[in-house]
Amino acid sequence: MADPEAAALSRQVIRGSDFAALATNAVGEEGWPYASLVAAACDYDGTPILLMSDLAEHAKNIAADARVSLLFDGTRVDGTGVDAAHLAEAPLDVPRVTVMGRAVKSKEPRHRARYLARNPAAELFADFGDFHIYALEVARAHLVRGFGKVRWMEAAALLSDLSKAAELIEAESEIVAYMNAEHADAVDLYAGALLGRTGHGWAMTGIDPEGCDLRLDAAVARLAFDQPVLDAGGARTALVALAKRARELSN
């Protein structure tokens, strides 16, 4: 049975995570699983995106068997409903999502663009000949959010429906550039007043129907919208409302 709340929480964890644990089948090791840590991003619908070198052990494993699992840990993700005190007392109550599927090399320009926006340091080596963007062909996902609170879901339930979001996707780069150039103060307010993050100079790195991504140096933050946004006008309305709320909270 579909569980929209569990799917939304799972996407929140995926979208808010800049790293994931990757499990592959080790080549020449009699089927032993091999776990590694990878920097991650995601497509507009929540599809995980990775950048890997052919020289990496996990890439060699994927070349032989594309089936993988990615574990996204919600410990540092905004909007999961777990505060710092609860995290300290019961760390295993923090939601985490295992996404299973096949890791496939992608030539889709938006996959590369969204990965590099999320992980700007990768610009230094992304064009090396042995590096490739991968998108996960999701099969299933497993959400755990505490003892007895588990849910399996199929790809169709996990991933967002983008059938009406074409205008927002087309406008993403313009919206992000405009917010960073003209409303940097609002972006700082989003991070500080709404998400409790410290520091100044936060930048927006992406926007999708469910929210926007922020970054300051090595720190990332995820700001969720109150309701889905499907076009540039809706994005403007949502961002203005969030800025107003942030200013009210900061006064």
Protein backbone atom coordinates (compact mmCIF):
# COMPACT_ATOMS: atom_id res chain seq x y z
CA MET A 1 0.00 0.00 0.00
CA ALA A 2 1.33 3.44 -0.94
CA ASP A 3 2.34 5.67 1.96
CA PRO A 4 2.74 9.28 0.72
CA GLU A 5 4.07 10.47 4.10
CA ALA A 6 6.82 7.84 4.13
CA ALA A 7 7.71 8.61 0.52
CA ALA A 8 7.90 12.35 1.21
CA LEU A 9 10.13 11.79 4.24
CA SER A 10 12.36 9.47 2.23
CA ARG A 11 12.78 12.10 -0.49
CA GLN A 12 13.52 14.72 2.17
CA VAL A 13 16.37 12.55 3.48
CA ILE A 14 17.71 11.88 -0.01
CA ARG A 15 17.46 15.51 -1.11
CA GLY A 16 19.06 16.78 2.09
CA SER A 17 22.04 14.40 2.08
CA ASP A 18 25.33 15.33 0.44
CA PHE A 19 26.88 11.91 1.15
CA ALA A 20 25.64 8.32 1.03
CA ALA A 21 27.03 4.86 1.79
CA LEU A 22 27.28 2.85 -1.42
CA ALA A 23 27.17 -0.96 -1.38
CA THR A 24 28.30 -2.92 -4.44
CA ASN A 25 29.16 -6.56 -5.16
CA ALA A 26 32.94 -6.89 -4.95
CA VAL A 27 34.59 -8.27 -8.08
CA GLY A 28 36.67 -11.36 -7.40
CA GLU A 29 35.61 -11.57 -3.76
CA GLU A 30 33.05 -14.38 -4.03
CA GLY A 31 30.08 -12.06 -3.83
CA TRP A 32 31.14 -10.17 -0.71
CA PRO A 33 29.45 -6.77 -0.42
CA TYR A 34 31.74 -3.75 -0.62
CA ALA A 35 30.71 -0.51 1.14
CA SER A 36 32.12 2.92 0.36
CA LEU A 37 31.28 6.58 0.93
CA VAL A 38 30.23 8.73 -2.02
CA ALA A 39 29.20 12.34 -2.53
CA ALA A 40 25.64 12.47 -3.83
CA ALA A 41 23.08 14.70 -5.48
CA CYS A 42 19.66 13.98 -6.94
CA ASP A 43 17.50 14.76 -9.92
CA TYR A 44 14.30 16.78 -9.64
CA ASP A 45 12.27 13.69 -8.83
CA GLY A 46 14.69 12.42 -6.18
CA THR A 47 16.68 10.02 -8.37
CA PRO A 48 20.17 9.73 -6.82
CA ILE A 49 23.08 10.99 -8.93
CA LEU A 50 26.75 10.10 -8.38
CA LEU A 51 30.12 10.94 -9.91
CA MET A 52 32.64 8.11 -9.93
CA SER A 53 36.04 7.34 -11.35
CA ASP A 54 36.62 4.16 -13.33
CA LEU A 55 39.62 3.60 -11.05
CA ALA A 56 37.48 3.39 -7.90
CA GLU A 57 36.73 -0.07 -6.53
CA HIS A 58 33.00 0.60 -6.48
CA ALA A 59 33.05 1.64 -10.17
CA LYS A 60 34.88 -1.58 -11.08
CA ASN A 61 32.23 -3.51 -9.18
CA ILE A 62 29.40 -1.67 -10.94
CA ALA A 63 30.93 -2.41 -14.33
CA ALA A 64 30.50 -6.09 -13.53
CA ASP A 65 27.19 -5.87 -11.68
CA ALA A 66 25.21 -2.62 -11.78
CA ARG A 67 23.00 -3.56 -8.80
CA VAL A 68 23.73 -1.30 -5.83
CA SER A 69 22.26 0.01 -2.60
CA LEU A 70 22.65 3.57 -1.36
CA LEU A 71 22.10 4.39 2.32
CA PHE A 72 21.12 8.00 3.03
CA ASP A 73 21.43 8.94 6.71
CA GLY A 74 19.09 11.67 7.95
CA THR A 75 21.30 12.66 10.90
CA ARG A 76 22.25 16.02 9.35
CA VAL A 77 19.15 16.56 7.23
CA ASP A 78 16.73 19.41 7.86
CA GLY A 79 13.01 18.81 8.21
CA THR A 80 13.04 15.21 9.45
CA GLY A 81 11.37 16.10 12.75
CA VAL A 82 14.24 14.87 14.95
CA ASP A 83 15.79 17.54 17.17
CA ALA A 84 19.31 17.51 18.61
CA ALA A 85 18.22 16.30 22.04
CA HIS A 86 16.33 13.34 20.61
CA LEU A 87 19.24 12.57 18.28
CA ALA A 88 21.60 12.36 21.26
CA GLU A 89 19.25 10.11 23.22
CA ALA A 90 18.04 7.86 20.40
CA PRO A 91 20.23 8.13 17.31
CA LEU A 92 18.55 5.13 15.68
CA ASP A 93 15.24 7.02 15.60
CA VAL A 94 16.70 9.27 12.91
CA PRO A 95 15.17 8.37 9.53
CA ARG A 96 17.44 6.69 7.02
CA VAL A 97 16.66 5.41 3.56
CA THR A 98 18.19 2.54 1.62
CA VAL A 99 17.63 2.93 -2.12
CA MET A 100 18.17 -0.13 -4.29
CA GLY A 101 18.61 -0.05 -8.04
CA ARG A 102 21.04 -0.15 -10.93
CA ALA A 103 23.76 2.48 -11.29
CA VAL A 104 23.92 3.51 -14.96
CA LYS A 105 26.24 6.03 -16.63
CA SER A 106 24.31 9.12 -17.68
CA LYS A 107 24.93 11.62 -20.48
CA GLU A 108 21.92 13.72 -19.43
CA PRO A 109 23.22 17.33 -19.07
CA ARG A 110 20.95 18.15 -16.14
CA HIS A 111 22.37 15.24 -14.11
CA ARG A 112 25.87 16.67 -14.45
CA ALA A 113 24.66 20.21 -13.78
CA ARG A 114 22.76 19.28 -10.64
CA TYR A 115 25.60 17.14 -9.32
CA LEU A 116 28.17 19.92 -9.75
CA ALA A 117 25.84 22.55 -8.29
CA ARG A 118 25.47 20.34 -5.22
CA ASN A 119 29.17 19.41 -5.09
CA PRO A 120 31.14 22.37 -6.51
CA ALA A 121 34.52 20.94 -5.48
CA ALA A 122 33.98 18.18 -8.05
CA GLU A 123 34.46 20.77 -10.82
CA LEU A 124 38.21 20.18 -10.37
CA PHE A 125 38.08 16.61 -11.68
CA ALA A 126 34.64 16.06 -13.24
CA ASP A 127 36.04 16.44 -16.77
CA PHE A 128 38.84 13.92 -16.29
CA GLY A 129 38.49 11.08 -18.78
CA ASP A 130 37.97 8.39 -16.14
CA PHE A 131 35.12 10.19 -14.33
CA HIS A 132 31.47 9.59 -15.21
CA ILE A 133 28.08 10.69 -13.94
CA TYR A 134 25.79 7.86 -12.83
CA ALA A 135 22.05 7.98 -12.25
CA LEU A 136 20.35 5.28 -10.21
CA GLU A 137 17.56 3.37 -11.92
CA VAL A 138 15.58 2.97 -8.73
CA ALA A 139 13.91 -0.36 -8.03
CA ARG A 140 12.83 -0.14 -4.39
CA ALA A 141 13.53 1.83 -1.24
CA HIS A 142 13.40 1.02 2.48
CA LEU A 143 12.71 3.71 5.08
CA VAL A 144 13.57 3.13 8.75
CA ARG A 145 12.64 5.77 11.32
CA GLY A 146 12.89 4.01 14.65
CA PHE A 147 11.98 0.65 16.18
CA GLY A 148 9.14 -0.94 14.25
CA LYS A 149 8.74 2.09 11.99
CA VAL A 150 9.79 0.67 8.64
CA ARG A 151 8.34 0.90 5.18
CA TRP A 152 9.23 -0.62 1.83
CA MET A 153 8.22 1.29 -1.30
CA GLU A 154 8.53 0.82 -5.03
CA ALA A 155 10.22 3.35 -7.29
CA ALA A 156 6.90 4.79 -8.48
CA ALA A 157 5.94 5.60 -4.89
CA LEU A 158 9.33 7.03 -3.92
CA LEU A 159 10.02 9.37 -6.83
CA SER A 160 8.17 12.65 -7.40
CA ASP A 161 5.79 13.05 -10.32
CA LEU A 162 7.32 15.69 -12.62
CA SER A 163 4.62 15.63 -15.28
CA LYS A 164 3.51 19.18 -14.42
CA ALA A 165 6.87 20.63 -13.35
CA ALA A 166 8.49 21.28 -16.75
CA GLU A 167 8.34 25.06 -16.36
CA LEU A 168 10.07 25.00 -12.98
CA ILE A 169 12.79 22.69 -14.28
CA GLU A 170 13.37 24.99 -17.25
CA ALA A 171 13.60 28.03 -14.96
CA GLU A 172 15.80 26.52 -12.24
CA SER A 173 19.13 28.05 -13.26
CA GLU A 174 17.57 31.50 -13.68
CA ILE A 175 15.81 31.33 -10.31
CA VAL A 176 18.96 30.19 -8.51
CA ALA A 177 21.14 32.85 -10.14
CA TYR A 178 18.59 35.58 -9.37
CA MET A 179 18.23 34.60 -5.71
CA ASN A 180 21.99 34.51 -5.17
CA ALA A 181 22.60 37.82 -6.97
CA GLU A 182 19.60 39.87 -5.84
CA HIS A 183 18.37 38.25 -2.63
CA ALA A 184 21.45 36.89 -0.88
CA ASP A 185 20.12 38.36 2.37
CA ALA A 186 16.97 36.25 2.05
CA VAL A 187 18.99 33.10 1.42
CA ASP A 188 20.96 33.77 4.62
CA LEU A 189 17.67 34.27 6.46
CA TYR A 190 16.34 30.96 5.16
CA ALA A 191 19.37 29.18 6.59
CA GLY A 192 19.55 31.07 9.86
CA ALA A 193 15.98 31.86 10.89
CA LEU A 194 14.17 28.90 9.36
CA LEU A 195 16.76 26.12 9.61
CA GLY A 196 18.84 27.25 12.60
CA ARG A 197 22.08 27.21 10.64
CA THR A 198 24.99 29.53 11.43
CA GLY A 199 27.22 31.63 9.21
CA HIS A 200 26.72 34.15 6.44
CA GLY A 201 27.13 33.76 2.71
CA TRP A 202 24.76 30.87 2.13
CA ALA A 203 23.98 30.28 -1.54
CA MET A 204 21.09 28.53 -3.22
CA THR A 205 22.35 25.62 -5.34
CA GLY A 206 19.13 24.13 -6.64
CA ILE A 207 15.35 24.19 -6.59
CA ASP A 208 12.79 21.45 -7.25
CA PRO A 209 9.05 21.06 -6.69
CA GLU A 210 9.48 20.18 -3.01
CA GLY A 211 12.07 22.72 -1.87
CA CYS A 212 15.46 24.29 -2.43
CA ASP A 213 19.05 23.39 -1.59
CA LEU A 214 21.49 25.73 0.17
CA ARG A 215 25.24 25.56 0.68
CA LEU A 216 27.90 27.42 2.70
CA ASP A 217 31.42 26.06 2.23
CA ALA A 218 31.15 22.36 3.18
CA ALA A 219 27.75 22.67 4.87
CA VAL A 220 24.49 21.94 3.05
CA ALA A 221 20.91 22.66 4.07
CA ARG A 222 17.50 21.71 2.74
CA LEU A 223 14.51 24.07 2.88
CA ALA A 224 11.18 22.40 2.15
CA PHE A 225 8.22 24.20 0.62
CA ASP A 226 4.84 24.10 2.34
CA GLN A 227 3.31 22.69 -0.84
CA PRO A 228 4.66 21.59 -4.22
CA VAL A 229 5.85 24.28 -6.63
CA LEU A 230 5.46 23.63 -10.35
CA ASP A 231 6.50 26.83 -12.14
CA ALA A 232 8.50 30.04 -11.79
CA GLY A 233 5.52 31.98 -10.48
CA GLY A 234 4.85 29.41 -7.81
CA ALA A 235 8.52 29.41 -6.83
CA ARG A 236 8.50 33.19 -6.44
CA THR A 237 5.38 33.04 -4.25
CA ALA A 238 6.86 30.32 -2.06
CA LEU A 239 10.25 32.03 -1.68
CA VAL A 240 8.67 35.40 -0.84
CA ALA A 241 6.46 33.77 1.80
CA LEU A 242 9.45 31.97 3.33
CA ALA A 243 11.47 35.19 3.40
CA LYS A 244 8.59 36.97 5.18
CA ARG A 245 8.38 34.16 7.73
CA ALA A 246 12.14 34.25 8.25
CA ARG A 247 12.14 38.02 8.83
CA GLU A 248 9.33 37.72 11.34
CA LEU A 249 11.22 35.05 13.25
CA SER A 250 14.46 37.01 13.22
CA ASN A 251 12.92 40.21 14.66
